[in-house]
Each structure stands twice: as structure tokens, then as C-alpha cells.
């Protein structure tokens, strides 16, 4: 991707993060969600939004199901209004387990460090 695409993806990520916090759906608000990254097409026709949850991949899947349902249109409209985009991409939310993997790596490193100190 080019500089403009990267900048637009970061802007979309920032706005979606703010919008997810404003939603009232309990499947989304009951979890601690993180927008990991956004990949957009060169022509801005669609965007893949990777969402991770501290509770694991199953919670991320539930949240993505809710976000891809009724909230999808609202989020797309709001992103278009807030960023003044000529063409607002079709947004797809995809569950991601990178936070869960990062926490697991951290635990492994900590246990290795503790064994090394003993």
C-alpha cells in the first residue's frame, strides 16, 4: 500500500475504535475489544478490520458477528461522515487472536526468566 492508503487505513482504524466504544450492543460492550489493524483496497471499495479481544478468540468471534450484523451500516455511515471520504469502504470485521498470542508469549518469557533466576 502507498502512503495515502496507509494514512486512510489508520484514520479508519482510529474512528472505528471510537465508534465501537459508543455502541450499545451488549455483545460488543461487555468485552474489551481492540482494533488490531485495518487493510483497505486500493480503490477504497472494502476494508478488512481485524478485531481482537482480551477474552480470547471466541469473544472476538461473537463481537465480530454483532459488528458485521446491525452495527455495520451505522459504523460505515459514521466513518464516512467523520472522515469526509468521497467513497466509504464496505467494512468487514474479522476476528483476530494476536492479543491472546501476545499474552501467551509474555507468560512463556516470564516463566523462562523466573527459571533462569533460580
N, C-alpha and C. Protein backbone atom coordinates (compact mmCIF):
# COMPACT_ATOMS: atom_id res chain seq x y z
N UNK A 1 0.84 -1.18 0.00
CA UNK A 1 0.00 0.00 0.00
C UNK A 1 0.88 1.24 0.00
N UNK A 2 0.33 2.30 -0.52
CA UNK A 2 1.06 3.55 -0.55
C UNK A 2 0.83 4.35 0.71
N UNK A 3 1.46 5.50 0.76
CA UNK A 3 1.37 6.35 1.93
C UNK A 3 -0.07 6.79 2.18
N UNK A 4 -0.78 7.20 1.14
CA UNK A 4 -2.15 7.67 1.30
C UNK A 4 -3.07 6.55 1.80
N UNK A 5 -2.89 5.35 1.27
CA UNK A 5 -3.70 4.21 1.71
C UNK A 5 -3.41 3.88 3.17
N UNK A 6 -2.14 3.91 3.56
CA UNK A 6 -1.78 3.64 4.95
C UNK A 6 -2.40 4.68 5.88
N UNK A 7 -2.33 5.93 5.48
CA UNK A 7 -2.88 7.01 6.30
C UNK A 7 -4.39 6.87 6.43
N UNK A 8 -5.06 6.55 5.33
CA UNK A 8 -6.50 6.36 5.36
C UNK A 8 -6.87 5.17 6.23
N UNK A 9 -6.10 4.09 6.15
CA UNK A 9 -6.36 2.91 6.98
C UNK A 9 -6.22 3.26 8.46
N UNK A 10 -5.20 4.04 8.82
CA UNK A 10 -5.02 4.44 10.21
C UNK A 10 -6.17 5.36 10.68
N UNK A 11 -6.62 6.25 9.80
CA UNK A 11 -7.75 7.11 10.15
C UNK A 11 -9.01 6.29 10.38
N UNK A 12 -9.25 5.32 9.52
CA UNK A 12 -10.42 4.44 9.67
C UNK A 12 -10.31 3.65 10.96
N UNK A 13 -9.12 3.14 11.26
CA UNK A 13 -8.90 2.38 12.49
C UNK A 13 -9.23 3.23 13.72
N UNK A 14 -8.75 4.46 13.73
CA UNK A 14 -8.99 5.36 14.86
C UNK A 14 -10.49 5.64 15.04
N UNK A 15 -11.18 5.89 13.94
CA UNK A 15 -12.61 6.19 14.03
C UNK A 15 -13.43 4.96 14.43
N UNK A 16 -13.08 3.79 13.90
CA UNK A 16 -13.82 2.58 14.27
C UNK A 16 -13.60 2.25 15.73
N UNK A 17 -12.39 2.45 16.23
CA UNK A 17 -12.11 2.23 17.65
C UNK A 17 -13.01 3.11 18.51
N UNK A 18 -13.14 4.37 18.14
CA UNK A 18 -14.01 5.29 18.89
C UNK A 18 -15.48 4.88 18.76
N UNK A 19 -15.91 4.47 17.58
CA UNK A 19 -17.30 4.09 17.36
C UNK A 19 -17.69 2.82 18.12
N UNK A 20 -16.77 1.86 18.19
CA UNK A 20 -17.06 0.61 18.90
C UNK A 20 -17.32 0.90 20.38
N UNK A 21 -16.60 1.86 20.93
CA UNK A 21 -16.81 2.22 22.34
C UNK A 21 -18.16 2.89 22.57
N UNK A 22 -18.73 3.50 21.52
CA UNK A 22 -20.01 4.20 21.64
C UNK A 22 -21.21 3.29 21.44
N UNK A 23 -21.01 2.08 20.91
CA UNK A 23 -22.12 1.17 20.62
C UNK A 23 -22.80 0.72 21.91
N UNK A 24 -24.06 0.36 21.79
CA UNK A 24 -24.84 -0.06 22.95
C UNK A 24 -25.12 -1.57 22.95
N UNK A 25 -24.64 -2.30 21.96
CA UNK A 25 -24.86 -3.74 21.86
C UNK A 25 -24.08 -4.46 22.96
N UNK A 26 -24.75 -5.23 23.82
CA UNK A 26 -24.05 -5.90 24.93
C UNK A 26 -23.03 -6.93 24.47
N UNK A 27 -23.17 -7.48 23.26
CA UNK A 27 -22.18 -8.44 22.75
C UNK A 27 -20.85 -7.75 22.47
N UNK A 28 -20.91 -6.43 22.29
CA UNK A 28 -19.71 -5.66 21.99
C UNK A 28 -19.21 -4.94 23.24
N UNK A 29 -20.11 -4.33 23.99
CA UNK A 29 -19.69 -3.50 25.13
C UNK A 29 -19.25 -4.32 26.33
N UNK A 30 -19.66 -5.59 26.43
CA UNK A 30 -19.29 -6.40 27.59
C UNK A 30 -17.86 -6.92 27.49
N UNK A 31 -17.20 -6.70 26.36
CA UNK A 31 -15.86 -7.22 26.15
C UNK A 31 -14.87 -6.08 25.94
N UNK A 32 -13.63 -6.37 26.20
CA UNK A 32 -12.57 -5.41 25.94
C UNK A 32 -12.03 -5.72 24.55
N UNK A 33 -12.44 -4.92 23.57
CA UNK A 33 -12.07 -5.14 22.18
C UNK A 33 -10.98 -4.18 21.75
N UNK A 34 -10.16 -4.66 20.84
CA UNK A 34 -9.09 -3.84 20.26
C UNK A 34 -9.13 -4.01 18.75
N UNK A 35 -9.10 -2.90 18.04
CA UNK A 35 -8.95 -2.96 16.59
C UNK A 35 -7.46 -3.08 16.32
N UNK A 36 -7.04 -4.25 15.85
CA UNK A 36 -5.63 -4.55 15.67
C UNK A 36 -5.07 -3.85 14.44
N UNK A 37 -5.74 -4.02 13.31
CA UNK A 37 -5.29 -3.36 12.09
C UNK A 37 -6.44 -3.28 11.09
N UNK A 38 -6.26 -2.41 10.10
CA UNK A 38 -7.24 -2.24 9.03
C UNK A 38 -6.50 -2.35 7.71
N UNK A 39 -7.02 -3.19 6.84
CA UNK A 39 -6.48 -3.31 5.48
C UNK A 39 -7.54 -2.82 4.52
N UNK A 40 -7.18 -1.85 3.67
CA UNK A 40 -8.15 -1.33 2.72
C UNK A 40 -7.69 -1.63 1.29
N UNK A 41 -8.68 -1.76 0.39
CA UNK A 41 -8.38 -1.95 -1.02
C UNK A 41 -7.86 -0.65 -1.60
N UNK A 42 -7.12 -0.74 -2.69
CA UNK A 42 -6.54 0.45 -3.30
C UNK A 42 -7.61 1.44 -3.76
N UNK A 43 -8.76 0.92 -4.17
CA UNK A 43 -9.83 1.81 -4.64
C UNK A 43 -10.84 2.15 -3.55
N UNK A 44 -10.52 1.83 -2.30
CA UNK A 44 -11.38 2.08 -1.14
C UNK A 44 -12.75 1.41 -1.24
N UNK A 45 -12.84 0.30 -1.96
CA UNK A 45 -14.14 -0.37 -2.09
C UNK A 45 -14.48 -1.21 -0.87
N UNK A 46 -13.48 -1.75 -0.20
CA UNK A 46 -13.74 -2.51 1.02
C UNK A 46 -12.58 -2.38 1.99
N UNK A 47 -12.88 -2.67 3.26
CA UNK A 47 -11.86 -2.63 4.31
C UNK A 47 -12.05 -3.84 5.20
N UNK A 48 -10.95 -4.49 5.52
CA UNK A 48 -10.96 -5.59 6.48
C UNK A 48 -10.48 -5.03 7.81
N UNK A 49 -11.32 -5.17 8.83
CA UNK A 49 -10.98 -4.66 10.16
C UNK A 49 -10.77 -5.86 11.07
N UNK A 50 -9.54 -6.02 11.56
CA UNK A 50 -9.20 -7.15 12.43
C UNK A 50 -9.41 -6.74 13.88
N UNK A 51 -10.26 -7.51 14.57
CA UNK A 51 -10.65 -7.20 15.95
C UNK A 51 -10.20 -8.31 16.87
N UNK A 52 -9.59 -7.93 17.99
CA UNK A 52 -9.12 -8.89 18.98
C UNK A 52 -9.75 -8.58 20.33
N UNK A 53 -9.87 -9.61 21.15
CA UNK A 53 -10.45 -9.45 22.47
C UNK A 53 -9.51 -10.03 23.52
N UNK A 54 -9.47 -9.40 24.67
CA UNK A 54 -8.65 -9.93 25.77
C UNK A 54 -9.19 -11.26 26.27
N UNK A 55 -10.47 -11.51 26.04
CA UNK A 55 -11.10 -12.75 26.49
C UNK A 55 -10.83 -13.93 25.59
N UNK A 56 -10.17 -13.73 24.47
CA UNK A 56 -9.86 -14.83 23.58
C UNK A 56 -10.57 -14.73 22.25
N UNK A 57 -10.30 -15.71 21.41
CA UNK A 57 -10.80 -15.70 20.04
C UNK A 57 -12.32 -15.91 19.99
N UNK A 58 -12.87 -16.66 20.93
CA UNK A 58 -14.32 -16.90 20.92
C UNK A 58 -15.09 -15.60 21.16
N UNK A 59 -14.61 -14.78 22.10
CA UNK A 59 -15.25 -13.49 22.35
C UNK A 59 -15.09 -12.57 21.14
N UNK A 60 -13.96 -12.64 20.48
CA UNK A 60 -13.73 -11.83 19.28
C UNK A 60 -14.69 -12.25 18.17
N UNK A 61 -14.93 -13.56 18.05
CA UNK A 61 -15.87 -14.05 17.03
C UNK A 61 -17.28 -13.56 17.31
N UNK A 62 -17.71 -13.60 18.58
CA UNK A 62 -19.04 -13.09 18.95
C UNK A 62 -19.17 -11.61 18.65
N UNK A 63 -18.15 -10.85 19.00
CA UNK A 63 -18.18 -9.41 18.76
C UNK A 63 -18.22 -9.12 17.26
N UNK A 64 -17.45 -9.86 16.47
CA UNK A 64 -17.45 -9.65 15.02
C UNK A 64 -18.79 -10.00 14.41
N UNK A 65 -19.44 -11.02 14.96
CA UNK A 65 -20.78 -11.38 14.48
C UNK A 65 -21.74 -10.21 14.70
N UNK A 66 -21.65 -9.59 15.87
CA UNK A 66 -22.50 -8.44 16.17
C UNK A 66 -22.13 -7.23 15.30
N UNK A 67 -20.84 -7.00 15.13
CA UNK A 67 -20.39 -5.85 14.34
C UNK A 67 -20.71 -6.02 12.86
N UNK A 68 -20.64 -7.23 12.35
CA UNK A 68 -20.97 -7.48 10.94
C UNK A 68 -22.48 -7.48 10.70
N UNK A 69 -23.26 -7.52 11.77
CA UNK A 69 -24.71 -7.52 11.64
C UNK A 69 -25.28 -6.12 11.54
N UNK A 70 -26.01 -5.73 12.56
CA UNK A 70 -26.72 -4.45 12.54
C UNK A 70 -25.80 -3.24 12.64
N UNK A 71 -24.68 -3.37 13.31
CA UNK A 71 -23.80 -2.22 13.54
C UNK A 71 -22.99 -1.83 12.30
N UNK A 72 -22.88 -2.72 11.34
CA UNK A 72 -22.02 -2.49 10.17
C UNK A 72 -22.41 -1.24 9.38
N UNK A 73 -23.69 -1.08 9.12
CA UNK A 73 -24.16 0.08 8.36
C UNK A 73 -23.95 1.38 9.11
N UNK A 74 -24.24 1.35 10.40
CA UNK A 74 -24.04 2.55 11.22
C UNK A 74 -22.58 2.96 11.26
N UNK A 75 -21.70 1.99 11.45
CA UNK A 75 -20.26 2.28 11.52
C UNK A 75 -19.77 2.82 10.19
N UNK A 76 -20.21 2.21 9.10
CA UNK A 76 -19.78 2.68 7.77
C UNK A 76 -20.24 4.12 7.53
N UNK A 77 -21.48 4.42 7.88
CA UNK A 77 -22.00 5.77 7.68
C UNK A 77 -21.23 6.79 8.51
N UNK A 78 -20.98 6.44 9.78
CA UNK A 78 -20.27 7.36 10.67
C UNK A 78 -18.82 7.58 10.24
N UNK A 79 -18.16 6.53 9.78
CA UNK A 79 -16.78 6.67 9.29
C UNK A 79 -16.75 7.61 8.10
N UNK A 80 -17.71 7.45 7.19
CA UNK A 80 -17.78 8.32 6.02
C UNK A 80 -18.02 9.77 6.40
N UNK A 81 -18.88 10.00 7.37
CA UNK A 81 -19.18 11.38 7.80
C UNK A 81 -17.99 12.00 8.53
N UNK A 82 -17.39 11.25 9.45
CA UNK A 82 -16.30 11.79 10.27
C UNK A 82 -15.03 12.05 9.47
N UNK A 83 -14.77 11.24 8.45
CA UNK A 83 -13.55 11.40 7.67
C UNK A 83 -13.77 12.14 6.35
N UNK A 84 -15.01 12.46 6.04
CA UNK A 84 -15.35 13.14 4.78
C UNK A 84 -14.77 12.42 3.58
N UNK A 85 -14.99 11.11 3.55
CA UNK A 85 -14.49 10.31 2.43
C UNK A 85 -15.45 10.40 1.26
N UNK A 86 -14.90 10.48 0.07
CA UNK A 86 -15.73 10.50 -1.13
C UNK A 86 -16.42 9.15 -1.30
N UNK A 87 -15.67 8.09 -1.07
CA UNK A 87 -16.22 6.74 -1.17
C UNK A 87 -15.88 6.01 0.12
N UNK A 88 -16.90 5.65 0.89
CA UNK A 88 -16.69 4.94 2.14
C UNK A 88 -16.61 3.45 1.85
N UNK A 89 -15.57 2.78 2.32
CA UNK A 89 -15.43 1.35 2.01
C UNK A 89 -16.46 0.49 2.74
N UNK A 90 -16.78 -0.64 2.12
CA UNK A 90 -17.61 -1.66 2.76
C UNK A 90 -16.73 -2.31 3.82
N UNK A 91 -17.21 -2.37 5.04
CA UNK A 91 -16.38 -2.81 6.16
C UNK A 91 -16.73 -4.24 6.54
N UNK A 92 -15.70 -5.08 6.68
CA UNK A 92 -15.85 -6.44 7.18
C UNK A 92 -15.01 -6.60 8.43
N UNK A 93 -15.63 -7.09 9.50
CA UNK A 93 -14.92 -7.31 10.75
C UNK A 93 -14.48 -8.77 10.81
N UNK A 94 -13.20 -8.97 11.12
CA UNK A 94 -12.61 -10.31 11.14
C UNK A 94 -11.99 -10.53 12.52
N UNK A 95 -12.34 -11.66 13.19
CA UNK A 95 -11.73 -11.93 14.50
C UNK A 95 -10.24 -12.23 14.37
N UNK A 96 -9.48 -11.75 15.35
CA UNK A 96 -8.02 -11.92 15.35
C UNK A 96 -7.59 -12.32 16.75
N UNK A 97 -6.64 -13.22 16.86
CA UNK A 97 -6.21 -13.68 18.18
C UNK A 97 -4.79 -13.22 18.51
N UNK A 98 -4.35 -12.14 17.92
CA UNK A 98 -2.97 -11.69 18.14
C UNK A 98 -2.72 -11.22 19.57
N UNK A 99 -3.70 -10.62 20.22
CA UNK A 99 -3.52 -10.20 21.62
C UNK A 99 -3.37 -11.43 22.51
N UNK A 100 -4.21 -12.43 22.25
CA UNK A 100 -4.13 -13.67 23.03
C UNK A 100 -2.76 -14.33 22.85
N UNK A 101 -2.25 -14.35 21.63
CA UNK A 101 -0.92 -14.93 21.38
C UNK A 101 0.17 -14.11 22.05
N UNK A 102 0.02 -12.79 22.05
CA UNK A 102 1.00 -11.92 22.71
C UNK A 102 1.05 -12.15 24.21
N UNK A 103 -0.11 -12.31 24.83
CA UNK A 103 -0.17 -12.57 26.27
C UNK A 103 0.47 -13.92 26.58
N UNK A 104 0.21 -14.91 25.73
CA UNK A 104 0.80 -16.24 25.94
C UNK A 104 2.32 -16.18 25.81
N UNK A 105 2.83 -15.42 24.83
CA UNK A 105 4.28 -15.26 24.68
C UNK A 105 4.89 -14.60 25.90
N UNK A 106 4.21 -13.59 26.41
CA UNK A 106 4.67 -12.89 27.60
C UNK A 106 4.77 -13.84 28.79
N UNK A 107 3.76 -14.72 28.95
CA UNK A 107 3.78 -15.69 30.04
C UNK A 107 4.95 -16.66 29.89
N UNK A 108 5.18 -17.14 28.68
CA UNK A 108 6.28 -18.07 28.44
C UNK A 108 7.62 -17.42 28.75
N UNK A 109 7.78 -16.18 28.31
CA UNK A 109 9.03 -15.46 28.59
C UNK A 109 9.23 -15.24 30.09
N UNK A 110 8.16 -14.90 30.79
CA UNK A 110 8.26 -14.68 32.23
C UNK A 110 8.61 -15.96 32.97
N UNK A 111 8.00 -17.09 32.59
CA UNK A 111 8.32 -18.34 33.27
C UNK A 111 9.77 -18.75 32.97
N UNK A 112 10.23 -18.51 31.76
CA UNK A 112 11.63 -18.80 31.42
C UNK A 112 12.59 -17.93 32.21
N UNK A 113 12.26 -16.68 32.40
CA UNK A 113 13.10 -15.75 33.15
C UNK A 113 13.13 -16.15 34.64
N UNK A 114 11.99 -16.59 35.19
CA UNK A 114 11.95 -17.00 36.58
C UNK A 114 12.78 -18.25 36.81
N UNK A 115 12.72 -19.21 35.86
CA UNK A 115 13.52 -20.42 35.99
C UNK A 115 15.00 -20.11 35.90
N UNK A 116 15.35 -19.15 35.06
CA UNK A 116 16.73 -18.75 34.87
C UNK A 116 17.30 -18.11 36.14
N UNK A 117 16.46 -17.36 36.87
CA UNK A 117 16.91 -16.70 38.10
C UNK A 117 17.11 -17.68 39.24
N UNK A 118 16.43 -18.81 39.19
CA UNK A 118 16.52 -19.79 40.30
C UNK A 118 17.76 -20.59 40.26
